[in-house]
Structure formats: C-alpha cells, structure tokens
Amino acid sequence: MEIRYITPTDNRIAISKIYEESWKCAYKGIIPQDYLDSIPKGRWSSTLDNPNWKTLICIDNCKIVGTSSFCKSRFEQFQDWGEVISIYLLPDYMGKAMEKLL
C-alpha cells in the first residue's frame, strides 16, 4: 500500500469515484436515495486541483482506494491551524484495520 500526494497524471475521475461510492455507502438511509443516485460521475474531479488544498491518495495493488484533502484552516478564528477537508475510502476498504491493508 502506498500513500502519496496526487500528481498531474493521476486519474481525477478515479479519485472522484472514491467520493461517489463512499457517499452512496456511508450516507445511505441518511440522505435521500434519489440524491445519492443522482451524483454524477466525476462530481468531485474539479475540486481536486484546488491550489489551496493538498490531496493524498491511497493506492493498493495499483488501484486508488482512498483519498484525503487538507489545507490551512478556512475559518478566520483558526488561521494558524490546519483543516482536514475530507477522508474517503472505497466501501470495500471501510472499517478495516490498517495492518490488514499493508
């Protein structure tokens, strides 16, 4: 397993798919199913290149299975802090201990 920053050559649609599948799994029964079903392919791909964010990907056997983005806090009262914006995994990787993934 490898965790690294995204590069210009990483497939943004594949990374967005992690958000999409994770939302559809984690928010099932919480957010209306019609909304979850209507999430378009690539919905999050354009946000991955925000110049103010740092984005990591988790790769297992040459497949991108997780992603996380972070930045300097977007809240004025926490300007000297960092902020984790997102942490998402493909559903098959949710709830597994890290030692099982390595």
N, C-alpha and C. Protein backbone atom coordinates (compact mmCIF):
# COMPACT_ATOMS: atom_id res chain seq x y z
N MET A 1 0.85 -1.17 0.00
CA MET A 1 0.00 0.00 0.00
C MET A 1 0.89 1.23 0.00
N GLU A 2 0.46 2.22 -0.76
CA GLU A 2 1.21 3.46 -0.88
C GLU A 2 0.27 4.63 -0.61
N ILE A 3 0.75 5.60 0.15
CA ILE A 3 0.02 6.85 0.36
C ILE A 3 0.92 7.97 -0.13
N ARG A 4 0.40 8.78 -1.06
CA ARG A 4 1.22 9.85 -1.63
C ARG A 4 0.33 10.99 -2.10
N TYR A 5 0.98 12.14 -2.38
CA TYR A 5 0.26 13.27 -2.96
C TYR A 5 -0.16 12.94 -4.39
N ILE A 6 -1.29 13.51 -4.82
CA ILE A 6 -1.70 13.30 -6.20
C ILE A 6 -0.70 14.02 -7.12
N THR A 7 -0.61 13.53 -8.32
CA THR A 7 0.24 14.12 -9.33
C THR A 7 -0.63 14.53 -10.51
N PRO A 8 -0.10 15.34 -11.42
CA PRO A 8 -0.89 15.75 -12.58
C PRO A 8 -1.37 14.57 -13.43
N THR A 9 -0.68 13.46 -13.38
CA THR A 9 -1.07 12.32 -14.22
C THR A 9 -2.07 11.38 -13.56
N ASP A 10 -2.40 11.59 -12.29
CA ASP A 10 -3.38 10.73 -11.62
C ASP A 10 -4.77 10.99 -12.18
N ASN A 11 -5.53 9.93 -12.32
CA ASN A 11 -6.86 9.98 -12.91
C ASN A 11 -7.85 10.63 -11.95
N ARG A 12 -8.27 11.85 -12.26
CA ARG A 12 -9.19 12.60 -11.40
C ARG A 12 -10.56 11.93 -11.32
N ILE A 13 -10.99 11.29 -12.40
CA ILE A 13 -12.28 10.59 -12.38
C ILE A 13 -12.22 9.40 -11.43
N ALA A 14 -11.11 8.68 -11.40
CA ALA A 14 -10.95 7.55 -10.48
C ALA A 14 -10.95 8.02 -9.03
N ILE A 15 -10.34 9.16 -8.78
CA ILE A 15 -10.32 9.71 -7.42
C ILE A 15 -11.73 10.18 -7.04
N SER A 16 -12.41 10.85 -7.95
CA SER A 16 -13.78 11.28 -7.69
C SER A 16 -14.69 10.09 -7.41
N LYS A 17 -14.43 8.97 -8.08
CA LYS A 17 -15.25 7.77 -7.88
C LYS A 17 -15.20 7.31 -6.42
N ILE A 18 -14.09 7.55 -5.75
CA ILE A 18 -13.98 7.19 -4.33
C ILE A 18 -14.97 8.01 -3.52
N TYR A 19 -15.04 9.31 -3.78
CA TYR A 19 -16.04 10.16 -3.12
C TYR A 19 -17.45 9.64 -3.40
N GLU A 20 -17.73 9.39 -4.67
CA GLU A 20 -19.07 8.99 -5.10
C GLU A 20 -19.51 7.69 -4.43
N GLU A 21 -18.66 6.66 -4.49
CA GLU A 21 -19.02 5.37 -3.90
C GLU A 21 -19.09 5.45 -2.38
N SER A 22 -18.19 6.22 -1.79
CA SER A 22 -18.19 6.38 -0.34
C SER A 22 -19.47 7.08 0.13
N TRP A 23 -19.87 8.15 -0.55
CA TRP A 23 -21.11 8.85 -0.21
C TRP A 23 -22.30 7.91 -0.31
N LYS A 24 -22.38 7.16 -1.41
CA LYS A 24 -23.52 6.28 -1.63
C LYS A 24 -23.61 5.18 -0.58
N CYS A 25 -22.48 4.78 -0.03
CA CYS A 25 -22.47 3.76 1.02
C CYS A 25 -22.70 4.38 2.41
N ALA A 26 -21.90 5.37 2.75
CA ALA A 26 -21.92 5.94 4.10
C ALA A 26 -23.20 6.71 4.42
N TYR A 27 -23.79 7.35 3.41
CA TYR A 27 -24.95 8.19 3.66
C TYR A 27 -26.28 7.54 3.27
N LYS A 28 -26.23 6.24 2.92
CA LYS A 28 -27.45 5.51 2.58
C LYS A 28 -28.38 5.51 3.80
N GLY A 29 -29.63 5.91 3.59
CA GLY A 29 -30.60 5.98 4.68
C GLY A 29 -30.53 7.28 5.47
N ILE A 30 -29.55 8.12 5.19
CA ILE A 30 -29.39 9.41 5.86
C ILE A 30 -29.76 10.54 4.90
N ILE A 31 -29.22 10.46 3.71
CA ILE A 31 -29.51 11.42 2.65
C ILE A 31 -30.50 10.73 1.70
N PRO A 32 -31.46 11.44 1.16
CA PRO A 32 -32.42 10.80 0.26
C PRO A 32 -31.73 10.00 -0.85
N GLN A 33 -32.22 8.79 -1.08
CA GLN A 33 -31.61 7.90 -2.07
C GLN A 33 -31.62 8.50 -3.47
N ASP A 34 -32.66 9.26 -3.80
CA ASP A 34 -32.72 9.91 -5.11
C ASP A 34 -31.52 10.82 -5.33
N TYR A 35 -31.13 11.55 -4.26
CA TYR A 35 -29.97 12.43 -4.37
C TYR A 35 -28.70 11.60 -4.57
N LEU A 36 -28.53 10.56 -3.77
CA LEU A 36 -27.33 9.72 -3.90
C LEU A 36 -27.25 9.09 -5.29
N ASP A 37 -28.37 8.63 -5.79
CA ASP A 37 -28.39 8.02 -7.12
C ASP A 37 -28.10 9.02 -8.24
N SER A 38 -28.33 10.31 -7.96
CA SER A 38 -28.13 11.32 -9.00
C SER A 38 -26.72 11.93 -9.00
N ILE A 39 -25.85 11.47 -8.10
CA ILE A 39 -24.48 12.01 -8.09
C ILE A 39 -23.81 11.64 -9.41
N PRO A 40 -23.40 12.64 -10.18
CA PRO A 40 -22.82 12.34 -11.49
C PRO A 40 -21.38 11.82 -11.39
N LYS A 41 -21.02 11.01 -12.35
CA LYS A 41 -19.64 10.52 -12.45
C LYS A 41 -18.72 11.73 -12.59
N GLY A 42 -17.66 11.75 -11.79
CA GLY A 42 -16.70 12.85 -11.86
C GLY A 42 -17.09 14.07 -11.06
N ARG A 43 -18.13 13.98 -10.24
CA ARG A 43 -18.67 15.11 -9.48
C ARG A 43 -17.58 15.89 -8.73
N TRP A 44 -16.62 15.19 -8.13
CA TRP A 44 -15.59 15.86 -7.32
C TRP A 44 -14.27 16.07 -8.06
N SER A 45 -14.18 15.68 -9.30
CA SER A 45 -12.89 15.75 -10.00
C SER A 45 -12.35 17.18 -10.12
N SER A 46 -13.21 18.15 -10.29
CA SER A 46 -12.74 19.53 -10.46
C SER A 46 -12.21 20.14 -9.16
N THR A 47 -12.60 19.60 -8.02
CA THR A 47 -12.13 20.17 -6.75
C THR A 47 -10.74 19.67 -6.36
N LEU A 48 -10.27 18.64 -7.01
CA LEU A 48 -9.00 18.01 -6.62
C LEU A 48 -7.78 18.86 -6.92
N ASP A 49 -7.91 19.83 -7.79
CA ASP A 49 -6.77 20.68 -8.15
C ASP A 49 -6.86 22.08 -7.54
N ASN A 50 -7.64 22.21 -6.47
CA ASN A 50 -7.71 23.49 -5.77
C ASN A 50 -6.30 23.85 -5.29
N PRO A 51 -5.76 25.00 -5.70
CA PRO A 51 -4.37 25.33 -5.34
C PRO A 51 -4.15 25.54 -3.84
N ASN A 52 -5.21 25.71 -3.08
CA ASN A 52 -5.07 25.91 -1.64
C ASN A 52 -5.16 24.60 -0.85
N TRP A 53 -5.41 23.50 -1.54
CA TRP A 53 -5.56 22.21 -0.89
C TRP A 53 -4.39 21.29 -1.22
N LYS A 54 -4.12 20.39 -0.33
CA LYS A 54 -3.19 19.28 -0.57
C LYS A 54 -4.04 18.01 -0.57
N THR A 55 -3.83 17.16 -1.55
CA THR A 55 -4.63 15.94 -1.64
C THR A 55 -3.72 14.73 -1.71
N LEU A 56 -4.04 13.75 -0.89
CA LEU A 56 -3.33 12.48 -0.85
C LEU A 56 -4.21 11.39 -1.46
N ILE A 57 -3.57 10.37 -2.00
CA ILE A 57 -4.31 9.19 -2.42
C ILE A 57 -3.66 7.95 -1.79
N CYS A 58 -4.48 6.95 -1.60
CA CYS A 58 -4.04 5.67 -1.06
C CYS A 58 -4.19 4.66 -2.19
N ILE A 59 -3.11 3.96 -2.50
CA ILE A 59 -3.10 3.02 -3.61
C ILE A 59 -2.82 1.62 -3.07
N ASP A 60 -3.65 0.67 -3.49
CA ASP A 60 -3.49 -0.74 -3.12
C ASP A 60 -3.48 -1.56 -4.40
N ASN A 61 -2.39 -2.26 -4.64
CA ASN A 61 -2.27 -3.08 -5.86
C ASN A 61 -2.60 -2.28 -7.12
N CYS A 62 -2.00 -1.11 -7.25
CA CYS A 62 -2.14 -0.23 -8.43
C CYS A 62 -3.54 0.37 -8.58
N LYS A 63 -4.39 0.26 -7.57
CA LYS A 63 -5.75 0.82 -7.62
C LYS A 63 -5.87 1.90 -6.55
N ILE A 64 -6.41 3.05 -6.93
CA ILE A 64 -6.64 4.13 -5.97
C ILE A 64 -7.87 3.75 -5.14
N VAL A 65 -7.68 3.60 -3.83
CA VAL A 65 -8.75 3.12 -2.95
C VAL A 65 -9.17 4.13 -1.89
N GLY A 66 -8.40 5.22 -1.75
CA GLY A 66 -8.73 6.22 -0.75
C GLY A 66 -8.17 7.57 -1.12
N THR A 67 -8.72 8.60 -0.51
CA THR A 67 -8.24 9.96 -0.75
C THR A 67 -8.52 10.84 0.47
N SER A 68 -7.68 11.81 0.66
CA SER A 68 -7.87 12.78 1.74
C SER A 68 -7.32 14.12 1.29
N SER A 69 -8.03 15.18 1.63
CA SER A 69 -7.56 16.54 1.32
C SER A 69 -7.48 17.34 2.60
N PHE A 70 -6.50 18.25 2.64
CA PHE A 70 -6.32 19.11 3.80
C PHE A 70 -5.79 20.46 3.34
N CYS A 71 -5.91 21.45 4.22
CA CYS A 71 -5.47 22.80 3.88
C CYS A 71 -5.26 23.60 5.17
N LYS A 72 -4.80 24.82 4.98
CA LYS A 72 -4.79 25.77 6.07
C LYS A 72 -6.26 26.02 6.43
N SER A 73 -6.56 26.21 7.70
CA SER A 73 -7.95 26.38 8.11
C SER A 73 -8.65 27.46 7.29
N ARG A 74 -9.89 27.16 6.91
CA ARG A 74 -10.70 28.11 6.16
C ARG A 74 -11.48 29.02 7.09
N PHE A 75 -11.33 28.84 8.40
CA PHE A 75 -12.04 29.64 9.40
C PHE A 75 -11.10 30.71 9.95
N GLU A 76 -11.53 31.94 9.88
CA GLU A 76 -10.69 33.05 10.29
C GLU A 76 -10.15 32.91 11.71
N GLN A 77 -10.97 32.43 12.63
CA GLN A 77 -10.52 32.31 14.02
C GLN A 77 -9.48 31.20 14.23
N PHE A 78 -9.25 30.38 13.20
CA PHE A 78 -8.26 29.29 13.30
C PHE A 78 -7.19 29.41 12.22
N GLN A 79 -6.79 30.63 11.89
CA GLN A 79 -5.86 30.86 10.78
C GLN A 79 -4.52 30.14 10.95
N ASP A 80 -4.10 29.88 12.17
CA ASP A 80 -2.82 29.21 12.39
C ASP A 80 -2.95 27.69 12.48
N TRP A 81 -4.10 27.17 12.15
CA TRP A 81 -4.38 25.74 12.25
C TRP A 81 -4.52 25.14 10.85
N GLY A 82 -4.48 23.84 10.80
CA GLY A 82 -4.76 23.12 9.57
C GLY A 82 -6.17 22.54 9.64
N GLU A 83 -6.67 22.12 8.50
CA GLU A 83 -8.03 21.57 8.45
C GLU A 83 -8.04 20.34 7.54
N VAL A 84 -8.56 19.24 8.04
CA VAL A 84 -8.79 18.07 7.21
C VAL A 84 -10.14 18.30 6.53
N ILE A 85 -10.13 18.35 5.22
CA ILE A 85 -11.34 18.62 4.46
C ILE A 85 -12.12 17.34 4.22
N SER A 86 -11.40 16.28 3.90
CA SER A 86 -12.09 15.03 3.57
C SER A 86 -11.19 13.83 3.79
N ILE A 87 -11.80 12.73 4.13
CA ILE A 87 -11.15 11.42 4.17
C ILE A 87 -12.18 10.43 3.63
N TYR A 88 -11.89 9.81 2.51
CA TYR A 88 -12.81 8.87 1.91
C TYR A 88 -12.09 7.61 1.44
N LEU A 89 -12.76 6.49 1.59
CA LEU A 89 -12.26 5.19 1.13
C LEU A 89 -13.34 4.52 0.30
N LEU A 90 -12.93 3.66 -0.62
CA LEU A 90 -13.91 2.82 -1.29
C LEU A 90 -14.59 1.95 -0.24
N PRO A 91 -15.87 1.65 -0.40
CA PRO A 91 -16.59 0.88 0.61
C PRO A 91 -15.91 -0.43 1.03
N ASP A 92 -15.26 -1.13 0.11
CA ASP A 92 -14.59 -2.39 0.47
C ASP A 92 -13.42 -2.18 1.42
N TYR A 93 -12.96 -0.96 1.56
CA TYR A 93 -11.83 -0.66 2.44
C TYR A 93 -12.25 0.00 3.75
N MET A 94 -13.51 0.31 3.90
CA MET A 94 -14.01 0.94 5.12
C MET A 94 -14.03 -0.06 6.26
N GLY A 95 -13.63 0.41 7.45
CA GLY A 95 -13.72 -0.41 8.65
C GLY A 95 -12.66 -1.48 8.79
N LYS A 96 -11.65 -1.45 7.95
CA LYS A 96 -10.58 -2.43 8.05
C LYS A 96 -9.41 -1.83 8.81
N ALA A 97 -8.80 -2.64 9.62
CA ALA A 97 -7.61 -2.18 10.34
C ALA A 97 -6.48 -1.98 9.36
N MET A 98 -5.65 -0.99 9.59
CA MET A 98 -4.58 -0.65 8.66
C MET A 98 -3.61 -1.81 8.46
N GLU A 99 -3.31 -2.56 9.51
CA GLU A 99 -2.36 -3.66 9.35
C GLU A 99 -2.88 -4.73 8.38
N LYS A 100 -4.18 -4.82 8.20
CA LYS A 100 -4.75 -5.76 7.24
C LYS A 100 -4.58 -5.24 5.82
N LEU A 101 -4.42 -3.94 5.67
CA LEU A 101 -4.30 -3.35 4.34
C LEU A 101 -2.86 -3.30 3.87
N LEU A 102 -1.92 -3.36 4.76
CA LEU A 102 -0.50 -3.24 4.37
C LEU A 102 0.07 -4.55 3.88
